[in-house]
PDB file of N, CA and C in Angstrom:
ATOM      1  N   UNK A   1      92.957  86.822 156.863  1.00  0.00           N
ATOM      2  CA  UNK A   1      93.053  85.588 156.122  1.00  0.00           C
ATOM      3  C   UNK A   1      92.101  85.596 154.929  1.00  0.00           C
ATOM      4  N   UNK A   2      90.994  86.201 155.105  1.00  0.00           N
ATOM      5  CA  UNK A   2      90.020  86.277 154.036  1.00  0.00           C
ATOM      6  C   UNK A   2      90.576  87.065 152.857  1.00  0.00           C
ATOM      7  N   UNK A   3      91.313  88.098 153.140  1.00  0.00           N
ATOM      8  CA  UNK A   3      91.914  88.895 152.061  1.00  0.00           C
ATOM      9  C   UNK A   3      92.900  88.060 151.261  1.00  0.00           C
ATOM     10  N   UNK A   4      93.669  87.259 151.952  1.00  0.00           N
ATOM     11  CA  UNK A   4      94.651  86.404 151.265  1.00  0.00           C
ATOM     12  C   UNK A   4      93.920  85.382 150.405  1.00  0.00           C
ATOM     13  N   UNK A   5      92.881  84.801 150.938  1.00  0.00           N
ATOM     14  CA  UNK A   5      92.092  83.830 150.170  1.00  0.00           C
ATOM     15  C   UNK A   5      91.471  84.488 148.939  1.00  0.00           C
ATOM     16  N   UNK A   6      90.984  85.699 149.105  1.00  0.00           N
ATOM     17  CA  UNK A   6      90.405  86.432 147.979  1.00  0.00           C
ATOM     18  C   UNK A   6      91.454  86.709 146.905  1.00  0.00           C
ATOM     19  N   UNK A   7      92.668  87.075 147.358  1.00  0.00           N
ATOM     20  CA  UNK A   7      93.756  87.350 146.409  1.00  0.00           C
ATOM     21  C   UNK A   7      94.156  86.073 145.671  1.00  0.00           C
ATOM     22  N   UNK A   8      94.220  84.984 146.408  1.00  0.00           N
ATOM     23  CA  UNK A   8      94.567  83.687 145.800  1.00  0.00           C
ATOM     24  C   UNK A   8      93.509  83.310 144.770  1.00  0.00           C
ATOM     25  N   UNK A   9      92.253  83.474 145.154  1.00  0.00           N
ATOM     26  CA  UNK A   9      91.151  83.165 144.232  1.00  0.00           C
ATOM     27  C   UNK A   9      91.234  84.060 142.999  1.00  0.00           C
ATOM     28  N   UNK A  10      91.545  85.320 143.215  1.00  0.00           N
ATOM     29  CA  UNK A  10      91.669  86.272 142.102  1.00  0.00           C
ATOM     30  C   UNK A  10      92.793  85.847 141.145  1.00  0.00           C
ATOM     31  N   UNK A  11      93.916  85.431 141.700  1.00  0.00           N
ATOM     32  CA  UNK A  11      95.056  84.978 140.881  1.00  0.00           C
ATOM     33  C   UNK A  11      94.676  83.714 140.111  1.00  0.00           C
ATOM     34  N   UNK A  12      94.006  82.794 140.771  1.00  0.00           N
ATOM     35  CA  UNK A  12      93.578  81.545 140.119  1.00  0.00           C
ATOM     36  C   UNK A  12      92.606  81.850 138.988  1.00  0.00           C
ATOM     37  N   UNK A  13      91.645  82.729 139.266  1.00  0.00           N
ATOM     38  CA  UNK A  13      90.679  83.109 138.230  1.00  0.00           C
ATOM     39  C   UNK A  13      91.374  83.798 137.056  1.00  0.00           C
ATOM     40  N   UNK A  14      92.351  84.620 137.390  1.00  0.00           N
ATOM     41  CA  UNK A  14      93.112  85.324 136.354  1.00  0.00           C
ATOM     42  C   UNK A  14      93.865  84.318 135.479  1.00  0.00           C
ATOM     43  N   UNK A  15      94.449  83.315 136.093  1.00  0.00           N
ATOM     44  CA  UNK A  15      95.169  82.280 135.336  1.00  0.00           C
ATOM     45  C   UNK A  15      94.213  81.475 134.460  1.00  0.00           C
ATOM     46  N   UNK A  16      93.040  81.184 135.000  1.00  0.00           N
ATOM     47  CA  UNK A  16      92.035  80.469 134.201  1.00  0.00           C
ATOM     48  C   UNK A  16      91.643  81.301 132.987  1.00  0.00           C
ATOM     49  N   UNK A  17      91.466  82.591 133.216  1.00  0.00           N
ATOM     50  CA  UNK A  17      91.130  83.499 132.110  1.00  0.00           C
ATOM     51  C   UNK A  17      92.227  83.527 131.065  1.00  0.00           C
ATOM     52  N   UNK A  18      93.480  83.600 131.522  1.00  0.00           N
ATOM     53  CA  UNK A  18      94.611  83.619 130.597  1.00  0.00           C
ATOM     54  C   UNK A  18      94.657  82.336 129.776  1.00  0.00           C
ATOM     55  N   UNK A  19      94.426  81.212 130.446  1.00  0.00           N
ATOM     56  CA  UNK A  19      94.417  79.927 129.749  1.00  0.00           C
ATOM     57  C   UNK A  19      93.292  79.868 128.723  1.00  0.00           C
ATOM     58  N   UNK A  20      92.130  80.376 129.096  1.00  0.00           N
ATOM     59  CA  UNK A  20      91.001  80.389 128.172  1.00  0.00           C
ATOM     60  C   UNK A  20      91.303  81.294 126.978  1.00  0.00           C
ATOM     61  N   UNK A  21      91.869  82.457 127.258  1.00  0.00           N
ATOM     62  CA  UNK A  21      92.207  83.390 126.183  1.00  0.00           C
ATOM     63  C   UNK A  21      93.243  82.756 125.250  1.00  0.00           C
ATOM     64  N   UNK A  22      94.242  82.116 125.828  1.00  0.00           N
ATOM     65  CA  UNK A  22      95.277  81.464 125.022  1.00  0.00           C
ATOM     66  C   UNK A  22      94.679  80.339 124.166  1.00  0.00           C
ATOM     67  N   UNK A  23      93.795  79.567 124.783  1.00  0.00           N
ATOM     68  CA  UNK A  23      93.140  78.475 124.054  1.00  0.00           C
ATOM     69  C   UNK A  23      92.285  79.043 122.916  1.00  0.00           C
ATOM     70  N   UNK A  24      91.513  80.086 123.208  1.00  0.00           N
ATOM     71  CA  UNK A  24      90.690  80.727 122.176  1.00  0.00           C
ATOM     72  C   UNK A  24      91.550  81.294 121.055  1.00  0.00           C
ATOM     73  N   UNK A  25      92.672  81.889 121.437  1.00  0.00           N
ATOM     74  CA  UNK A  25      93.597  82.462 120.445  1.00  0.00           C
ATOM     75  C   UNK A  25      94.132  81.365 119.522  1.00  0.00           C
ATOM     76  N   UNK A  26      94.548  80.253 120.096  1.00  0.00           N
ATOM     77  CA  UNK A  26      95.050  79.132 119.291  1.00  0.00           C
ATOM     78  C   UNK A  26      93.967  78.580 118.368  1.00  0.00           C
ATOM     79  N   UNK A  27      92.740  78.516 118.881  1.00  0.00           N
ATOM     80  CA  UNK A  27      91.617  78.051 118.070  1.00  0.00           C
ATOM     81  C   UNK A  27      91.382  78.991 116.887  1.00  0.00           C
ATOM     82  N   UNK A  28      91.432  80.288 117.142  1.00  0.00           N
ATOM     83  CA  UNK A  28      91.252  81.268 116.072  1.00  0.00           C
ATOM     84  C   UNK A  28      92.379  81.187 115.045  1.00  0.00           C
ATOM     85  N   UNK A  29      93.596  80.991 115.501  1.00  0.00           N
ATOM     86  CA  UNK A  29      94.722  80.833 114.569  1.00  0.00           C
ATOM     87  C   UNK A  29      94.530  79.618 113.679  1.00  0.00           C
ATOM     88  N   UNK A  30      94.088  78.518 114.271  1.00  0.00           N
ATOM     89  CA  UNK A  30      93.833  77.286 113.504  1.00  0.00           C
ATOM     90  C   UNK A  30      92.729  77.515 112.480  1.00  0.00           C
ATOM     91  N   UNK A  31      91.648  78.156 112.898  1.00  0.00           N
ATOM     92  CA  UNK A  31      90.549  78.452 111.982  1.00  0.00           C
ATOM     93  C   UNK A  31      91.018  79.357 110.841  1.00  0.00           C
ATOM     94  N   UNK A  32      91.857  80.320 111.164  1.00  0.00           N
ATOM     95  CA  UNK A  32      92.391  81.222 110.153  1.00  0.00           C
ATOM     96  C   UNK A  32      93.241  80.443 109.136  1.00  0.00           C
ATOM     97  N   UNK A  33      94.076  79.553 109.611  1.00  0.00           N
ATOM     98  CA  UNK A  33      94.901  78.732 108.709  1.00  0.00           C
ATOM     99  C   UNK A  33      94.021  77.839 107.834  1.00  0.00           C
ATOM    100  N   UNK A  34      92.988  77.274 108.432  1.00  0.00           N
ATOM    101  CA  UNK A  34      92.057  76.433 107.666  1.00  0.00           C
ATOM    102  C   UNK A  34      91.371  77.244 106.565  1.00  0.00           C
ATOM    103  N   UNK A  35      90.967  78.458 106.901  1.00  0.00           N
ATOM    104  CA  UNK A  35      90.321  79.327 105.911  1.00  0.00           C
ATOM    105  C   UNK A  35      91.279  79.712 104.795  1.00  0.00           C
ATOM    106  N   UNK A  36      92.537  79.971 105.152  1.00  0.00           N
ATOM    107  CA  UNK A  36      93.537  80.280 104.135  1.00  0.00           C
ATOM    108  C   UNK A  36      93.722  79.103 103.177  1.00  0.00           C
ATOM    109  N   UNK A  37      93.780  77.904 103.727  1.00  0.00           N
ATOM    110  CA  UNK A  37      93.942  76.712 102.885  1.00  0.00           C
ATOM    111  C   UNK A  37      92.718  76.507 101.991  1.00  0.00           C
ATOM    112  N   UNK A  38      91.541  76.703 102.564  1.00  0.00           N
ATOM    113  CA  UNK A  38      90.315  76.571 101.772  1.00  0.00           C
ATOM    114  C   UNK A  38      90.301  77.601 100.641  1.00  0.00           C
ATOM    115  N   UNK A  39      90.719  78.807 100.942  1.00  0.00           N
ATOM    116  CA  UNK A  39      90.785  79.867  99.930  1.00  0.00           C
ATOM    117  C   UNK A  39      91.760  79.482  98.813  1.00  0.00           C
ATOM    118  N   UNK A  40      92.916  78.919  99.199  1.00  0.00           N
ATOM    119  CA  UNK A  40      93.911  78.502  98.210  1.00  0.00           C
ATOM    120  C   UNK A  40      93.347  77.395  97.313  1.00  0.00           C
ATOM    121  N   UNK A  41      92.675  76.431  97.913  1.00  0.00           N
ATOM    122  CA  UNK A  41      92.079  75.328  97.153  1.00  0.00           C
ATOM    123  C   UNK A  41      91.021  75.856  96.185  1.00  0.00           C
ATOM    124  N   UNK A  42      90.192  76.780  96.657  1.00  0.00           N
ATOM    125  CA  UNK A  42      89.171  77.372  95.795  1.00  0.00           C
ATOM    126  C   UNK A  42      89.804  78.146  94.647  1.00  0.00           C
ATOM    127  N   UNK A  43      90.863  78.872  94.935  1.00  0.00           N
ATOM    128  CA  UNK A  43      91.563  79.624  93.888  1.00  0.00           C
ATOM    129  C   UNK A  43      92.089  78.676  92.813  1.00  0.00           C
ATOM    130  N   UNK A  44      92.704  77.563  93.247  1.00  0.00           N
ATOM    131  CA  UNK A  44      93.232  76.586  92.294  1.00  0.00           C
ATOM    132  C   UNK A  44      92.093  75.999  91.456  1.00  0.00           C
ATOM    133  N   UNK A  45      90.977  75.698  92.091  1.00  0.00           N
ATOM    134  CA  UNK A  45      89.824  75.150  91.367  1.00  0.00           C
ATOM    135  C   UNK A  45      89.300  76.151  90.339  1.00  0.00           C
ATOM    136  N   UNK A  46      89.193  77.399  90.733  1.00  0.00           N
ATOM    137  CA  UNK A  46      88.718  78.442  89.814  1.00  0.00           C
ATOM    138  C   UNK A  46      89.692  78.602  88.660  1.00  0.00           C
ATOM    139  N   UNK A  47      90.974  78.597  88.951  1.00  0.00           N
ATOM    140  CA  UNK A  47      91.992  78.741  87.896  1.00  0.00           C
ATOM    141  C   UNK A  47      91.900  77.578  86.923  1.00  0.00           C
ATOM    142  N   UNK A  48      91.699  76.363  87.442  1.00  0.00           N
ATOM    143  CA  UNK A  48      91.556  75.191  86.568  1.00  0.00           C
ATOM    144  C   UNK A  48      90.326  75.323  85.677  1.00  0.00           C
ATOM    145  N   UNK A  49      89.235  75.802  86.241  1.00  0.00           N
ATOM    146  CA  UNK A  49      88.022  76.004  85.449  1.00  0.00           C
ATOM    147  C   UNK A  49      88.234  77.053  84.366  1.00  0.00           C
ATOM    148  N   UNK A  50      88.958  78.116  84.706  1.00  0.00           N
ATOM    149  CA  UNK A  50      89.239  79.159  83.727  1.00  0.00           C
ATOM    150  C   UNK A  50      90.129  78.615  82.612  1.00  0.00           C
ATOM    151  N   UNK A  51      91.107  77.793  82.972  1.00  0.00           N
ATOM    152  CA  UNK A  51      91.973  77.185  81.960  1.00  0.00           C
ATOM    153  C   UNK A  51      91.171  76.265  81.036  1.00  0.00           C
ATOM    154  N   UNK A  52      90.254  75.490  81.628  1.00  0.00           N
ATOM    155  CA  UNK A  52      89.412  74.601  80.820  1.00  0.00           C
ATOM    156  C   UNK A  52      88.518  75.409  79.891  1.00  0.00           C
ATOM    157  N   UNK A  53      87.965  76.508  80.397  1.00  0.00           N
ATOM    158  CA  UNK A  53      87.100  77.351  79.573  1.00  0.00           C
ATOM    159  C   UNK A  53      87.889  77.938  78.400  1.00  0.00           C
ATOM    160  N   UNK A  54      89.097  78.375  78.669  1.00  0.00           N
ATOM    161  CA  UNK A  54      89.934  78.946  77.614  1.00  0.00           C
ATOM    162  C   UNK A  54      90.260  77.891  76.553  1.00  0.00           C
ATOM    163  N   UNK A  55      90.600  76.693  76.992  1.00  0.00           N
ATOM    164  CA  UNK A  55      90.892  75.601  76.050  1.00  0.00           C
ATOM    165  C   UNK A  55      89.644  75.263  75.238  1.00  0.00           C
ATOM    166  N   UNK A  56      88.489  75.247  75.891  1.00  0.00           N
ATOM    167  CA  UNK A  56      87.231  74.955  75.202  1.00  0.00           C
ATOM    168  C   UNK A  56      86.971  75.994  74.116  1.00  0.00           C
ATOM    169  N   UNK A  57      87.203  77.260  74.437  1.00  0.00           N
ATOM    170  CA  UNK A  57      86.992  78.330  73.453  1.00  0.00           C
ATOM    171  C   UNK A  57      87.918  78.152  72.254  1.00  0.00           C
ATOM    172  N   UNK A  58      89.165  77.767  72.506  1.00  0.00           N
ATOM    173  CA  UNK A  58      90.118  77.559  71.412  1.00  0.00           C
ATOM    174  C   UNK A  58      89.658  76.415  70.518  1.00  0.00           C
ATOM    175  N   UNK A  59      89.278  75.302  71.147  1.00  0.00           N
ATOM    176  CA  UNK A  59      88.818  74.142  70.372  1.00  0.00           C
ATOM    177  C   UNK A  59      87.558  74.501  69.602  1.00  0.00           C
ATOM    178  N   UNK A  60      86.658  75.217  70.244  1.00  0.00           N
ATOM    179  CA  UNK A  60      85.422  75.618  69.585  1.00  0.00           C
ATOM    180  C   UNK A  60      85.725  76.504  68.371  1.00  0.00           C
ATOM    181  N   UNK A  61      86.690  77.401  68.504  1.00  0.00           N
ATOM    182  CA  UNK A  61      87.078  78.260  67.390  1.00  0.00           C
ATOM    183  C   UNK A  61      87.630  77.452  66.231  1.00  0.00           C
ATOM    184  N   UNK A  62      88.466  76.482  66.548  1.00  0.00           N
ATOM    185  CA  UNK A  62      89.025  75.611  65.500  1.00  0.00           C
ATOM    186  C   UNK A  62      87.912  74.831  64.807  1.00  0.00           C
ATOM    187  N   UNK A  63      87.007  74.286  65.587  1.00  0.00           N
ATOM    188  CA  UNK A  63      85.897  73.512  65.012  1.00  0.00           C
ATOM    189  C   UNK A  63      85.002  74.394  64.145  1.00  0.00           C
ATOM    190  N   UNK A  64      84.718  75.601  64.593  1.00  0.00           N
ATOM    191  CA  UNK A  64      83.891  76.517  63.796  1.00  0.00           C
ATOM    192  C   UNK A  64      84.569  76.839  62.468  1.00  0.00           C
ATOM    193  N   UNK A  65      85.884  77.049  62.506  1.00  0.00           N
ATOM    194  CA  UNK A  65      86.630  77.331  61.275  1.00  0.00           C
ATOM    195  C   UNK A  65      86.573  76.127  60.339  1.00  0.00           C
ATOM    196  N   UNK A  66      86.745  74.933  60.881  1.00  0.00           N
ATOM    197  CA  UNK A  66      86.689  73.719  60.063  1.00  0.00           C
ATOM    198  C   UNK A  66      85.297  73.528  59.459  1.00  0.00           C
ATOM    199  N   UNK A  67      84.273  73.800  60.235  1.00  0.00           N
ATOM    200  CA  UNK A  67      82.900  73.691  59.722  1.00  0.00           C
ATOM    201  C   UNK A  67      82.697  74.673  58.572  1.00  0.00           C
ATOM    202  N   UNK A  68      83.152  75.905  58.749  1.00  0.00           N
ATOM    203  CA  UNK A  68      83.012  76.915  57.686  1.00  0.00           C
ATOM    204  C   UNK A  68      83.753  76.476  56.424  1.00  0.00           C
ATOM    205  N   UNK A  69      84.964  75.953  56.583  1.00  0.00           N
ATOM    206  CA  UNK A  69      85.733  75.490  55.430  1.00  0.00           C
ATOM    207  C   UNK A  69      85.037  74.340  54.718  1.00  0.00           C
ATOM    208  N   UNK A  70      84.490  73.417  55.490  1.00  0.00           N
ATOM    209  CA  UNK A  70      83.787  72.282  54.891  1.00  0.00           C
ATOM    210  C   UNK A  70      82.499  72.722  54.193  1.00  0.00           C
ATOM    211  N   UNK A  71      81.780  73.663  54.803  1.00  0.00           N
ATOM    212  CA  UNK A  71      80.567  74.173  54.155  1.00  0.00           C
ATOM    213  C   UNK A  71      80.908  74.849  52.828  1.00  0.00           C
ATOM    214  N   UNK A  72      81.992  75.604  52.821  1.00  0.00           N
ATOM    215  CA  UNK A  72      82.435  76.255  51.582  1.00  0.00           C
ATOM    216  C   UNK A  72      82.840  75.209  50.545  1.00  0.00           C
ATOM    217  N   UNK A  73      83.533  74.184  50.994  1.00  0.00           N
ATOM    218  CA  UNK A  73      83.954  73.111  50.101  1.00  0.00           C
ATOM    219  C   UNK A  73      82.733  72.406  49.494  1.00  0.00           C
ATOM    220  N   UNK A  74      81.733  72.119  50.310  1.00  0.00           N
ATOM    221  CA  UNK A  74      80.508  71.467  49.817  1.00  0.00           C
ATOM    222  C   UNK A  74      79.805  72.370  48.809  1.00  0.00           C
ATOM    223  N   UNK A  75      79.722  73.641  49.117  1.00  0.00           N
ATOM    224  CA  UNK A  75      79.072  74.590  48.210  1.00  0.00           C
ATOM    225  C   UNK A  75      79.791  74.613  46.862  1.00  0.00           C
ATOM    226  N   UNK A  76      81.116  74.657  46.894  1.00  0.00           N
ATOM    227  CA  UNK A  76      81.886  74.655  45.642  1.00  0.00           C
ATOM    228  C   UNK A  76      81.693  73.359  44.868  1.00  0.00           C
ATOM    229  N   UNK A  77      81.655  72.235  45.575  1.00  0.00           N
ATOM    230  CA  UNK A  77      81.452  70.945  44.908  1.00  0.00           C
ATOM    231  C   UNK A  77      80.069  70.912  44.237  1.00  0.00           C
ATOM    232  N   UNK A  78      79.053  71.415  44.943  1.00  0.00           N
ATOM    233  CA  UNK A  78      77.711  71.450  44.365  1.00  0.00           C
ATOM    234  C   UNK A  78      77.675  72.358  43.145  1.00  0.00           C
ATOM    235  N   UNK A  79      78.333  73.509  43.238  1.00  0.00           N
ATOM    236  CA  UNK A  79      78.377  74.429  42.099  1.00  0.00           C
ATOM    237  C   UNK A  79      79.127  73.801  40.923  1.00  0.00           C
ATOM    238  N   UNK A  80      80.238  73.141  41.208  1.00  0.00           N
ATOM    239  CA  UNK A  80      81.001  72.461  40.151  1.00  0.00           C
ATOM    240  C   UNK A  80      80.165  71.365  39.506  1.00  0.00           C
ATOM    241  N   UNK A  81      79.424  70.618  40.304  1.00  0.00           N
ATOM    242  CA  UNK A  81      78.588  69.541  39.766  1.00  0.00           C
ATOM    243  C   UNK A  81      77.469  70.111  38.896  1.00  0.00           C
ATOM    244  N   UNK A  82      76.864  71.208  39.359  1.00  0.00           N
ATOM    245  CA  UNK A  82      75.815  71.840  38.561  1.00  0.00           C
ATOM    246  C   UNK A  82      76.379  72.393  37.261  1.00  0.00           C
ATOM    247  N   UNK A  83      77.538  73.024  37.338  1.00  0.00           N
ATOM    248  CA  UNK A  83      78.168  73.579  36.144  1.00  0.00           C
ATOM    249  C   UNK A  83      78.570  72.470  35.187  1.00  0.00           C
ATOM    250  N   UNK A  84      79.055  71.372  35.709  1.00  0.00           N
ATOM    251  CA  UNK A  84      79.438  70.246  34.844  1.00  0.00           C
ATOM    252  C   UNK A  84      78.201  69.669  34.167  1.00  0.00           C
ATOM    253  N   UNK A  85      77.094  69.616  34.890  1.00  0.00           N
ATOM    254  CA  UNK A  85      75.851  69.092  34.323  1.00  0.00           C
ATOM    255  C   UNK A  85      75.324  70.013  33.246  1.00  0.00           C
ATOM    256  N   UNK A  86      75.462  71.289  33.444  1.00  0.00           N
ATOM    257  CA  UNK A  86      74.984  72.253  32.446  1.00  0.00           C
ATOM    258  C   UNK A  86      75.831  72.162  31.175  1.00  0.00           C
ATOM    259  N   UNK A  87      77.117  71.983  31.352  1.00  0.00           N
ATOM    260  CA  UNK A  87      77.996  71.882  30.198  1.00  0.00           C
ATOM    261  C   UNK A  87      77.771  70.579  29.450  1.00  0.00           C
ATOM    262  N   UNK A  88      77.399  69.538  30.158  1.00  0.00           N
ATOM    263  CA  UNK A  88      77.149  68.243  29.532  1.00  0.00           C
ATOM    264  C   UNK A  88      75.768  68.130  28.940  1.00  0.00           C
ATOM    265  N   UNK A  89      74.953  69.106  29.130  1.00  0.00           N
ATOM    266  CA  UNK A  89      73.626  69.103  28.550  1.00  0.00           C
ATOM    267  C   UNK A  89      72.546  68.533  29.421  1.00  0.00           C
ATOM    268  N   UNK A  90      72.865  68.135  30.628  1.00  0.00           N
ATOM    269  CA  UNK A  90      71.822  67.643  31.522  1.00  0.00           C
ATOM    270  C   UNK A  90      72.110  68.108  32.948  1.00  0.00           C
ATOM    271  N   UNK A  91      71.064  68.225  33.698  1.00  0.00           N
ATOM    272  CA  UNK A  91      71.140  68.740  35.060  1.00  0.00           C
ATOM    273  C   UNK A  91      70.969  67.581  36.048  1.00  0.00           C
ATOM    274  N   UNK A  92      71.869  67.438  36.992  1.00  0.00           N
ATOM    275  CA  UNK A  92      71.755  66.330  37.957  1.00  0.00           C
ATOM    276  C   UNK A  92      71.108  66.789  39.234  1.00  0.00           C
TER     277      UNK A  92
END
């Protein structure tokens, strides 16, 4: 009878182990899915930041070009004013 009880206990313990393993497996699968989702969210965030950086660089380039054009325009206006003053006989 003791052998039968031992076998029954062994089967019960084995089933408990299987249940624990199955539960652990499901937990690991859930954690893996959560990590995949977190990775996807981070990728989207990084991509958005890269897009913003690229747009910023484009705008900055346009602004730098406009500044250069305006500086050149101011320089020409100053030169024209000086030349006009010299031709008129007085310097402003």
